[in-house]
Amino acid sequence: MPTTLAGRELIKKYIDDRNISITSLAATFGVGKMYMTQVLAGTRKSAAANELVLKIIETFKIRPHEGDE
């Protein structure tokens, strides 16, 4: 299964920059706060967790910026 580290880091930066709480993000995507925390920390590794990461990235159109890598 491919790693989602880069995607998780992009999401964490995105929500931090915009003061979006993990609770709000979890509610938006219909999952619990603890599950979202585990997904973003990388401790929850499954096809469903990877799909959630991809769904968040696509929903918010999160893309890396030059110099952020």
N, C-alpha and C. Protein backbone atom coordinates (compact mmCIF):
# COMPACT_ATOMS: atom_id res chain seq x y z
N MET A 1 0.85 -1.18 0.00
CA MET A 1 0.00 0.00 0.00
C MET A 1 0.90 1.24 0.00
N PRO A 2 0.67 2.20 -0.92
CA PRO A 2 1.52 3.38 -0.96
C PRO A 2 1.36 4.24 0.29
N THR A 3 2.40 4.96 0.62
CA THR A 3 2.36 5.82 1.79
C THR A 3 1.62 7.13 1.48
N THR A 4 1.01 7.68 2.49
CA THR A 4 0.28 8.95 2.33
C THR A 4 0.93 10.06 3.15
N LEU A 5 2.19 9.87 3.51
CA LEU A 5 2.88 10.85 4.36
C LEU A 5 2.82 12.26 3.77
N ALA A 6 3.16 12.40 2.51
CA ALA A 6 3.16 13.74 1.90
C ALA A 6 1.76 14.36 1.94
N GLY A 7 0.75 13.57 1.65
CA GLY A 7 -0.63 14.06 1.68
C GLY A 7 -1.07 14.45 3.08
N ARG A 8 -0.71 13.63 4.06
CA ARG A 8 -1.07 13.95 5.45
C ARG A 8 -0.40 15.23 5.90
N GLU A 9 0.86 15.41 5.52
CA GLU A 9 1.57 16.64 5.90
C GLU A 9 0.94 17.86 5.24
N LEU A 10 0.54 17.73 3.99
CA LEU A 10 -0.15 18.84 3.30
C LEU A 10 -1.45 19.20 4.01
N ILE A 11 -2.21 18.19 4.41
CA ILE A 11 -3.48 18.43 5.10
C ILE A 11 -3.22 19.13 6.43
N LYS A 12 -2.25 18.64 7.20
CA LYS A 12 -1.97 19.25 8.50
C LYS A 12 -1.56 20.71 8.34
N LYS A 13 -0.74 21.00 7.35
CA LYS A 13 -0.33 22.39 7.11
C LYS A 13 -1.54 23.23 6.70
N TYR A 14 -2.38 22.68 5.83
CA TYR A 14 -3.57 23.39 5.34
C TYR A 14 -4.50 23.76 6.50
N ILE A 15 -4.79 22.78 7.36
CA ILE A 15 -5.75 23.08 8.45
C ILE A 15 -5.11 24.00 9.49
N ASP A 16 -3.80 23.88 9.70
CA ASP A 16 -3.12 24.76 10.64
C ASP A 16 -3.11 26.20 10.12
N ASP A 17 -2.79 26.37 8.85
CA ASP A 17 -2.75 27.71 8.24
C ASP A 17 -4.11 28.41 8.27
N ARG A 18 -5.18 27.62 8.24
CA ARG A 18 -6.53 28.18 8.17
C ARG A 18 -7.31 28.05 9.48
N ASN A 19 -6.61 27.64 10.52
CA ASN A 19 -7.23 27.48 11.85
C ASN A 19 -8.48 26.59 11.80
N ILE A 20 -8.40 25.49 11.06
CA ILE A 20 -9.48 24.52 11.00
C ILE A 20 -9.16 23.45 12.04
N SER A 21 -10.10 23.18 12.92
CA SER A 21 -9.85 22.17 13.95
C SER A 21 -10.02 20.77 13.39
N ILE A 22 -9.35 19.83 14.01
CA ILE A 22 -9.50 18.43 13.62
C ILE A 22 -10.94 17.99 13.87
N THR A 23 -11.56 18.52 14.90
CA THR A 23 -12.96 18.20 15.19
C THR A 23 -13.86 18.63 14.04
N SER A 24 -13.64 19.83 13.53
CA SER A 24 -14.45 20.33 12.40
C SER A 24 -14.18 19.52 11.14
N LEU A 25 -12.91 19.21 10.90
CA LEU A 25 -12.56 18.42 9.73
C LEU A 25 -13.20 17.04 9.82
N ALA A 26 -13.13 16.43 10.98
CA ALA A 26 -13.74 15.12 11.18
C ALA A 26 -15.25 15.17 10.95
N ALA A 27 -15.90 16.18 11.50
CA ALA A 27 -17.35 16.31 11.32
C ALA A 27 -17.71 16.51 9.86
N THR A 28 -16.91 17.28 9.14
CA THR A 28 -17.16 17.53 7.73
C THR A 28 -17.14 16.24 6.92
N PHE A 29 -16.25 15.33 7.29
CA PHE A 29 -16.10 14.09 6.54
C PHE A 29 -16.79 12.90 7.19
N GLY A 30 -17.55 13.16 8.24
CA GLY A 30 -18.38 12.11 8.85
C GLY A 30 -17.61 11.04 9.60
N VAL A 31 -16.49 11.42 10.20
CA VAL A 31 -15.72 10.48 11.01
C VAL A 31 -15.49 11.09 12.38
N GLY A 32 -15.06 10.28 13.32
CA GLY A 32 -14.79 10.76 14.66
C GLY A 32 -13.48 11.53 14.75
N LYS A 33 -13.38 12.36 15.78
CA LYS A 33 -12.17 13.15 15.99
C LYS A 33 -10.95 12.25 16.18
N MET A 34 -11.10 11.19 16.97
CA MET A 34 -9.97 10.29 17.23
C MET A 34 -9.52 9.59 15.95
N TYR A 35 -10.47 9.16 15.14
CA TYR A 35 -10.14 8.51 13.87
C TYR A 35 -9.38 9.49 12.98
N MET A 36 -9.86 10.72 12.87
CA MET A 36 -9.20 11.72 12.04
C MET A 36 -7.79 11.99 12.57
N THR A 37 -7.64 12.09 13.87
CA THR A 37 -6.33 12.31 14.48
C THR A 37 -5.38 11.17 14.13
N GLN A 38 -5.87 9.94 14.21
CA GLN A 38 -5.05 8.78 13.88
C GLN A 38 -4.67 8.75 12.40
N VAL A 39 -5.60 9.10 11.54
CA VAL A 39 -5.32 9.13 10.10
C VAL A 39 -4.24 10.17 9.81
N LEU A 40 -4.38 11.37 10.36
CA LEU A 40 -3.42 12.43 10.08
C LEU A 40 -2.06 12.16 10.72
N ALA A 41 -2.04 11.42 11.82
CA ALA A 41 -0.78 11.06 12.47
C ALA A 41 -0.11 9.88 11.77
N GLY A 42 -0.87 9.16 10.97
CA GLY A 42 -0.31 8.00 10.27
C GLY A 42 -0.37 6.72 11.07
N THR A 43 -1.04 6.75 12.22
CA THR A 43 -1.16 5.53 13.03
C THR A 43 -2.32 4.65 12.56
N ARG A 44 -3.24 5.23 11.84
CA ARG A 44 -4.35 4.47 11.25
C ARG A 44 -4.01 4.24 9.79
N LYS A 45 -3.65 3.01 9.46
CA LYS A 45 -3.23 2.69 8.09
C LYS A 45 -4.15 1.64 7.52
N SER A 46 -4.96 2.05 6.58
CA SER A 46 -5.88 1.14 5.91
C SER A 46 -6.27 1.77 4.58
N ALA A 47 -6.93 0.99 3.76
CA ALA A 47 -7.41 1.53 2.49
C ALA A 47 -8.40 2.67 2.75
N ALA A 48 -9.25 2.51 3.77
CA ALA A 48 -10.23 3.55 4.10
C ALA A 48 -9.53 4.83 4.56
N ALA A 49 -8.46 4.69 5.35
CA ALA A 49 -7.72 5.87 5.81
C ALA A 49 -7.06 6.57 4.63
N ASN A 50 -6.48 5.81 3.72
CA ASN A 50 -5.88 6.40 2.52
C ASN A 50 -6.92 7.12 1.67
N GLU A 51 -8.08 6.51 1.53
CA GLU A 51 -9.16 7.14 0.76
C GLU A 51 -9.60 8.45 1.40
N LEU A 52 -9.64 8.48 2.73
CA LEU A 52 -10.02 9.71 3.42
C LEU A 52 -9.00 10.81 3.15
N VAL A 53 -7.72 10.48 3.21
CA VAL A 53 -6.66 11.47 2.92
C VAL A 53 -6.85 12.03 1.51
N LEU A 54 -7.06 11.14 0.55
CA LEU A 54 -7.26 11.58 -0.84
C LEU A 54 -8.52 12.43 -0.99
N LYS A 55 -9.58 12.04 -0.29
CA LYS A 55 -10.84 12.78 -0.37
C LYS A 55 -10.68 14.20 0.19
N ILE A 56 -9.96 14.34 1.30
CA ILE A 56 -9.72 15.66 1.88
C ILE A 56 -8.92 16.52 0.91
N ILE A 57 -7.86 15.93 0.34
CA ILE A 57 -7.02 16.67 -0.60
C ILE A 57 -7.82 17.14 -1.81
N GLU A 58 -8.65 16.27 -2.34
CA GLU A 58 -9.45 16.64 -3.51
C GLU A 58 -10.55 17.64 -3.17
N THR A 59 -11.18 17.48 -2.03
CA THR A 59 -12.26 18.39 -1.63
C THR A 59 -11.76 19.82 -1.50
N PHE A 60 -10.61 19.98 -0.85
CA PHE A 60 -10.07 21.31 -0.60
C PHE A 60 -9.07 21.75 -1.68
N LYS A 61 -8.84 20.89 -2.67
CA LYS A 61 -7.88 21.19 -3.75
C LYS A 61 -6.52 21.58 -3.17
N ILE A 62 -6.04 20.79 -2.23
CA ILE A 62 -4.76 21.05 -1.57
C ILE A 62 -3.64 20.61 -2.50
N ARG A 63 -2.72 21.50 -2.75
CA ARG A 63 -1.59 21.21 -3.63
C ARG A 63 -0.32 21.75 -2.98
N PRO A 64 0.80 21.08 -3.20
CA PRO A 64 2.06 21.61 -2.66
C PRO A 64 2.45 22.89 -3.40
N HIS A 65 3.08 23.78 -2.69
CA HIS A 65 3.56 25.04 -3.28
C HIS A 65 5.06 24.94 -3.46
N GLU A 66 5.57 25.63 -4.43
CA GLU A 66 7.01 25.65 -4.65
C GLU A 66 7.71 26.12 -3.39
N GLY A 67 8.76 25.43 -3.00
CA GLY A 67 9.51 25.81 -1.82
C GLY A 67 9.03 25.16 -0.55
N ASP A 68 7.84 24.54 -0.55
CA ASP A 68 7.30 23.88 0.63
C ASP A 68 7.81 22.45 0.76
N GLU A 69 8.48 21.95 -0.25
CA GLU A 69 8.85 20.54 -0.26
C GLU A 69 10.13 20.27 0.45
